[in-house]
N, C-alpha and C. Protein backbone atom coordinates (compact mmCIF):
# COMPACT_ATOMS: atom_id res chain seq x y z
N MET A 1 -21.72 9.46 -20.12
CA MET A 1 -22.04 10.12 -18.87
C MET A 1 -21.69 9.22 -17.68
N ILE A 2 -21.99 7.94 -17.80
CA ILE A 2 -21.70 7.01 -16.70
C ILE A 2 -20.19 6.86 -16.53
N LEU A 3 -19.44 6.83 -17.64
CA LEU A 3 -17.99 6.71 -17.57
C LEU A 3 -17.39 7.94 -16.88
N LEU A 4 -17.89 9.11 -17.21
CA LEU A 4 -17.41 10.34 -16.58
C LEU A 4 -17.68 10.32 -15.07
N LYS A 5 -18.85 9.84 -14.70
CA LYS A 5 -19.21 9.75 -13.28
C LYS A 5 -18.26 8.80 -12.54
N LYS A 6 -17.97 7.64 -13.15
CA LYS A 6 -17.06 6.68 -12.52
C LYS A 6 -15.65 7.23 -12.43
N CYS A 7 -15.21 7.93 -13.45
CA CYS A 7 -13.87 8.52 -13.42
C CYS A 7 -13.77 9.59 -12.33
N LEU A 8 -14.79 10.41 -12.20
CA LEU A 8 -14.79 11.43 -11.15
C LEU A 8 -14.82 10.80 -9.76
N LEU A 9 -15.62 9.75 -9.58
CA LEU A 9 -15.66 9.06 -8.30
C LEU A 9 -14.30 8.44 -7.96
N ALA A 10 -13.65 7.85 -8.95
CA ALA A 10 -12.33 7.27 -8.71
C ALA A 10 -11.32 8.34 -8.35
N PHE A 11 -11.37 9.47 -9.05
CA PHE A 11 -10.46 10.57 -8.77
C PHE A 11 -10.65 11.11 -7.36
N PHE A 12 -11.90 11.37 -6.99
CA PHE A 12 -12.16 11.91 -5.66
C PHE A 12 -11.84 10.89 -4.57
N GLY A 13 -12.07 9.62 -4.84
CA GLY A 13 -11.72 8.58 -3.88
C GLY A 13 -10.23 8.50 -3.65
N LEU A 14 -9.46 8.56 -4.74
CA LEU A 14 -8.00 8.55 -4.61
C LEU A 14 -7.49 9.78 -3.86
N CYS A 15 -8.07 10.93 -4.16
CA CYS A 15 -7.67 12.16 -3.47
C CYS A 15 -7.98 12.06 -1.98
N ALA A 16 -9.17 11.58 -1.64
CA ALA A 16 -9.54 11.46 -0.23
C ALA A 16 -8.64 10.47 0.50
N GLY A 17 -8.33 9.35 -0.12
CA GLY A 17 -7.43 8.36 0.48
C GLY A 17 -6.03 8.92 0.69
N GLY A 18 -5.55 9.66 -0.30
CA GLY A 18 -4.24 10.28 -0.17
C GLY A 18 -4.19 11.31 0.94
N ILE A 19 -5.25 12.08 1.07
CA ILE A 19 -5.30 13.10 2.13
C ILE A 19 -5.34 12.45 3.50
N ILE A 20 -6.12 11.40 3.65
CA ILE A 20 -6.19 10.70 4.94
C ILE A 20 -4.85 10.07 5.28
N ALA A 21 -4.21 9.42 4.31
CA ALA A 21 -2.90 8.82 4.56
C ALA A 21 -1.88 9.88 4.94
N ALA A 22 -1.90 11.01 4.25
CA ALA A 22 -0.95 12.09 4.58
C ALA A 22 -1.21 12.62 5.99
N GLY A 23 -2.47 12.72 6.38
CA GLY A 23 -2.80 13.17 7.73
C GLY A 23 -2.31 12.21 8.80
N VAL A 24 -2.46 10.93 8.56
CA VAL A 24 -2.00 9.93 9.53
C VAL A 24 -0.48 9.98 9.66
N TYR A 25 0.22 10.06 8.52
CA TYR A 25 1.68 10.12 8.57
C TYR A 25 2.15 11.42 9.22
N ALA A 26 1.47 12.52 8.95
CA ALA A 26 1.83 13.79 9.59
C ALA A 26 1.63 13.70 11.11
N PHE A 27 0.54 13.07 11.53
CA PHE A 27 0.29 12.90 12.97
C PHE A 27 1.39 12.06 13.62
N LEU A 28 1.77 10.97 12.97
CA LEU A 28 2.83 10.12 13.52
C LEU A 28 4.17 10.85 13.56
N ALA A 29 4.42 11.69 12.56
CA ALA A 29 5.67 12.45 12.55
C ALA A 29 5.67 13.52 13.63
N ILE A 30 4.53 14.17 13.85
CA ILE A 30 4.45 15.24 14.84
C ILE A 30 4.63 14.70 16.26
N ILE A 31 4.04 13.56 16.56
CA ILE A 31 4.19 13.03 17.92
C ILE A 31 5.54 12.35 18.12
N GLY A 32 6.33 12.24 17.07
CA GLY A 32 7.71 11.79 17.20
C GLY A 32 7.91 10.29 17.18
N VAL A 33 7.02 9.55 16.57
CA VAL A 33 7.18 8.09 16.53
C VAL A 33 8.44 7.71 15.76
N PHE A 34 8.63 8.30 14.59
CA PHE A 34 9.75 7.90 13.74
C PHE A 34 11.09 8.33 14.35
N VAL A 35 11.14 9.53 14.88
CA VAL A 35 12.38 10.02 15.49
C VAL A 35 12.73 9.18 16.72
N ARG A 36 11.72 8.84 17.51
CA ARG A 36 11.97 8.03 18.71
C ARG A 36 12.45 6.63 18.33
N LEU A 37 11.86 6.05 17.27
CA LEU A 37 12.32 4.73 16.82
C LEU A 37 13.77 4.78 16.35
N MET A 38 14.12 5.84 15.62
CA MET A 38 15.51 5.97 15.16
C MET A 38 16.46 6.14 16.34
N GLY A 39 16.04 6.89 17.33
CA GLY A 39 16.90 7.11 18.50
C GLY A 39 17.07 5.85 19.33
N LYS A 40 15.98 5.12 19.55
CA LYS A 40 16.05 3.91 20.39
C LYS A 40 16.83 2.78 19.72
N THR A 41 16.72 2.69 18.40
CA THR A 41 17.38 1.59 17.70
C THR A 41 18.79 1.96 17.23
N GLY A 42 19.17 3.24 17.34
CA GLY A 42 20.50 3.67 16.91
C GLY A 42 20.69 3.64 15.41
N THR A 43 19.63 3.91 14.66
CA THR A 43 19.71 3.85 13.20
C THR A 43 19.48 5.22 12.57
N ARG A 44 19.94 6.26 13.21
CA ARG A 44 19.75 7.61 12.66
C ARG A 44 20.47 7.81 11.33
N LYS A 45 21.51 7.05 11.08
CA LYS A 45 22.25 7.22 9.82
C LYS A 45 21.45 6.72 8.61
N HIS A 46 20.38 5.99 8.84
CA HIS A 46 19.56 5.45 7.74
C HIS A 46 18.28 6.26 7.55
N ILE A 47 18.33 7.57 7.73
CA ILE A 47 17.12 8.39 7.69
C ILE A 47 16.49 8.38 6.30
N PHE A 48 17.30 8.34 5.25
CA PHE A 48 16.74 8.31 3.90
C PHE A 48 16.01 6.99 3.64
N LEU A 49 16.48 5.91 4.22
CA LEU A 49 15.79 4.63 4.10
C LEU A 49 14.45 4.69 4.84
N TYR A 50 14.43 5.29 6.02
CA TYR A 50 13.18 5.47 6.75
C TYR A 50 12.18 6.26 5.92
N GLU A 51 12.62 7.38 5.34
CA GLU A 51 11.73 8.20 4.53
C GLU A 51 11.18 7.43 3.35
N THR A 52 12.04 6.70 2.67
CA THR A 52 11.62 5.94 1.49
C THR A 52 10.61 4.87 1.87
N VAL A 53 10.87 4.13 2.93
CA VAL A 53 9.98 3.05 3.34
C VAL A 53 8.63 3.60 3.81
N ILE A 54 8.64 4.72 4.51
CA ILE A 54 7.38 5.32 4.97
C ILE A 54 6.53 5.77 3.79
N ILE A 55 7.16 6.42 2.81
CA ILE A 55 6.41 6.88 1.63
C ILE A 55 5.91 5.69 0.82
N LEU A 56 6.77 4.70 0.58
CA LEU A 56 6.34 3.52 -0.17
C LEU A 56 5.23 2.76 0.54
N GLY A 57 5.29 2.70 1.86
CA GLY A 57 4.23 2.04 2.62
C GLY A 57 2.89 2.72 2.43
N GLY A 58 2.88 4.04 2.45
CA GLY A 58 1.63 4.76 2.24
C GLY A 58 1.08 4.59 0.83
N VAL A 59 1.96 4.70 -0.15
CA VAL A 59 1.52 4.58 -1.55
C VAL A 59 1.06 3.16 -1.86
N LEU A 60 1.86 2.17 -1.49
CA LEU A 60 1.48 0.78 -1.78
C LEU A 60 0.25 0.35 -0.98
N GLY A 61 0.11 0.86 0.24
CA GLY A 61 -1.09 0.56 1.03
C GLY A 61 -2.35 1.08 0.35
N ASN A 62 -2.29 2.29 -0.20
CA ASN A 62 -3.44 2.84 -0.92
C ASN A 62 -3.73 2.03 -2.18
N ILE A 63 -2.70 1.68 -2.92
CA ILE A 63 -2.90 0.92 -4.16
C ILE A 63 -3.50 -0.44 -3.87
N LEU A 64 -2.97 -1.15 -2.88
CA LEU A 64 -3.50 -2.47 -2.56
C LEU A 64 -4.92 -2.40 -1.99
N ASP A 65 -5.22 -1.32 -1.29
CA ASP A 65 -6.58 -1.15 -0.76
C ASP A 65 -7.57 -0.90 -1.89
N ILE A 66 -7.16 -0.17 -2.90
CA ILE A 66 -8.07 0.14 -4.01
C ILE A 66 -8.27 -1.06 -4.93
N TYR A 67 -7.17 -1.70 -5.35
CA TYR A 67 -7.26 -2.74 -6.36
C TYR A 67 -7.47 -4.14 -5.81
N GLU A 68 -7.20 -4.38 -4.54
CA GLU A 68 -7.40 -5.69 -3.90
C GLU A 68 -6.81 -6.82 -4.75
N LEU A 69 -5.51 -6.77 -4.94
CA LEU A 69 -4.83 -7.76 -5.75
C LEU A 69 -4.70 -9.08 -5.00
N PRO A 70 -5.23 -10.16 -5.54
CA PRO A 70 -5.08 -11.46 -4.85
C PRO A 70 -3.67 -12.00 -5.07
N ILE A 71 -3.07 -12.47 -4.00
CA ILE A 71 -1.73 -13.03 -4.08
C ILE A 71 -1.79 -14.44 -3.51
N TYR A 72 -1.58 -15.44 -4.36
CA TYR A 72 -1.60 -16.83 -3.89
C TYR A 72 -0.20 -17.22 -3.46
N MET A 73 -0.05 -17.68 -2.24
CA MET A 73 1.26 -18.06 -1.72
C MET A 73 1.31 -19.50 -1.25
N GLY A 74 0.25 -20.21 -1.35
CA GLY A 74 0.24 -21.57 -0.84
C GLY A 74 -0.09 -21.57 0.65
N PRO A 75 -0.43 -22.72 1.18
CA PRO A 75 -0.87 -22.75 2.58
C PRO A 75 0.23 -22.44 3.58
N TYR A 76 1.44 -22.89 3.35
CA TYR A 76 2.51 -22.70 4.34
C TYR A 76 3.14 -21.32 4.24
N ILE A 77 3.41 -20.88 3.03
CA ILE A 77 4.02 -19.56 2.85
C ILE A 77 3.02 -18.47 3.26
N GLY A 78 1.74 -18.68 2.96
CA GLY A 78 0.73 -17.71 3.37
C GLY A 78 0.63 -17.59 4.88
N THR A 79 0.70 -18.71 5.57
CA THR A 79 0.67 -18.69 7.03
C THR A 79 1.90 -17.99 7.59
N LEU A 80 3.05 -18.25 7.03
CA LEU A 80 4.27 -17.58 7.46
C LEU A 80 4.17 -16.07 7.21
N PHE A 81 3.64 -15.69 6.05
CA PHE A 81 3.47 -14.28 5.72
C PHE A 81 2.55 -13.59 6.73
N ILE A 82 1.44 -14.23 7.06
CA ILE A 82 0.50 -13.65 8.02
C ILE A 82 1.15 -13.52 9.39
N CYS A 83 1.96 -14.50 9.79
CA CYS A 83 2.65 -14.41 11.09
C CYS A 83 3.64 -13.26 11.12
N VAL A 84 4.43 -13.10 10.07
CA VAL A 84 5.40 -12.00 10.01
C VAL A 84 4.67 -10.66 9.95
N PHE A 85 3.60 -10.59 9.16
CA PHE A 85 2.82 -9.35 9.06
C PHE A 85 2.21 -8.99 10.41
N GLY A 86 1.63 -9.96 11.09
CA GLY A 86 1.03 -9.71 12.39
C GLY A 86 2.04 -9.25 13.42
N LEU A 87 3.22 -9.87 13.41
CA LEU A 87 4.29 -9.46 14.32
C LEU A 87 4.74 -8.03 14.03
N SER A 88 4.89 -7.70 12.75
CA SER A 88 5.30 -6.35 12.37
C SER A 88 4.28 -5.30 12.78
N VAL A 89 3.02 -5.58 12.54
CA VAL A 89 1.96 -4.64 12.91
C VAL A 89 1.89 -4.51 14.43
N GLY A 90 2.06 -5.60 15.15
CA GLY A 90 2.05 -5.55 16.61
C GLY A 90 3.18 -4.72 17.17
N ILE A 91 4.36 -4.86 16.59
CA ILE A 91 5.50 -4.04 17.03
C ILE A 91 5.24 -2.57 16.75
N PHE A 92 4.70 -2.27 15.57
CA PHE A 92 4.43 -0.87 15.23
C PHE A 92 3.39 -0.27 16.17
N VAL A 93 2.32 -1.01 16.42
CA VAL A 93 1.28 -0.50 17.32
C VAL A 93 1.83 -0.32 18.73
N GLY A 94 2.67 -1.23 19.18
CA GLY A 94 3.30 -1.08 20.49
C GLY A 94 4.17 0.16 20.57
N CYS A 95 4.94 0.41 19.52
CA CYS A 95 5.77 1.62 19.49
C CYS A 95 4.91 2.87 19.45
N LEU A 96 3.82 2.83 18.71
CA LEU A 96 2.92 3.97 18.65
C LEU A 96 2.29 4.25 20.02
N VAL A 97 1.86 3.22 20.70
CA VAL A 97 1.25 3.39 22.02
C VAL A 97 2.27 3.94 23.01
N MET A 98 3.49 3.44 22.97
CA MET A 98 4.53 3.95 23.87
C MET A 98 4.86 5.40 23.57
N SER A 99 4.85 5.79 22.29
CA SER A 99 5.12 7.19 21.94
C SER A 99 3.99 8.08 22.42
N LEU A 100 2.77 7.61 22.32
CA LEU A 100 1.63 8.40 22.81
C LEU A 100 1.64 8.51 24.32
N ALA A 101 2.10 7.46 25.00
CA ALA A 101 2.13 7.46 26.45
C ALA A 101 3.16 8.44 27.00
N GLU A 102 4.23 8.64 26.27
CA GLU A 102 5.26 9.56 26.73
C GLU A 102 4.90 10.95 26.32
């Protein structure tokens, strides 16, 4: 009985996370963030790459959020990773804010 309860909770949790992620991506697509980025950067010919990266980002983000996989990179590589990650997130948030402002 306890195993069934845990399995149902995991299933509903995954479904809820997937629905929220789909809603966020739909919102970003509707306000035109992705289209505007492709237009500003001149990379419209890589639309399939954009689609693939967006889908993989959502799926891998959900998986890493659920399983919390520890990744040891050492002190220097970890710091470099955090810097690159922070810069990437900052650029994305800036683009999102500019798209909302327009």
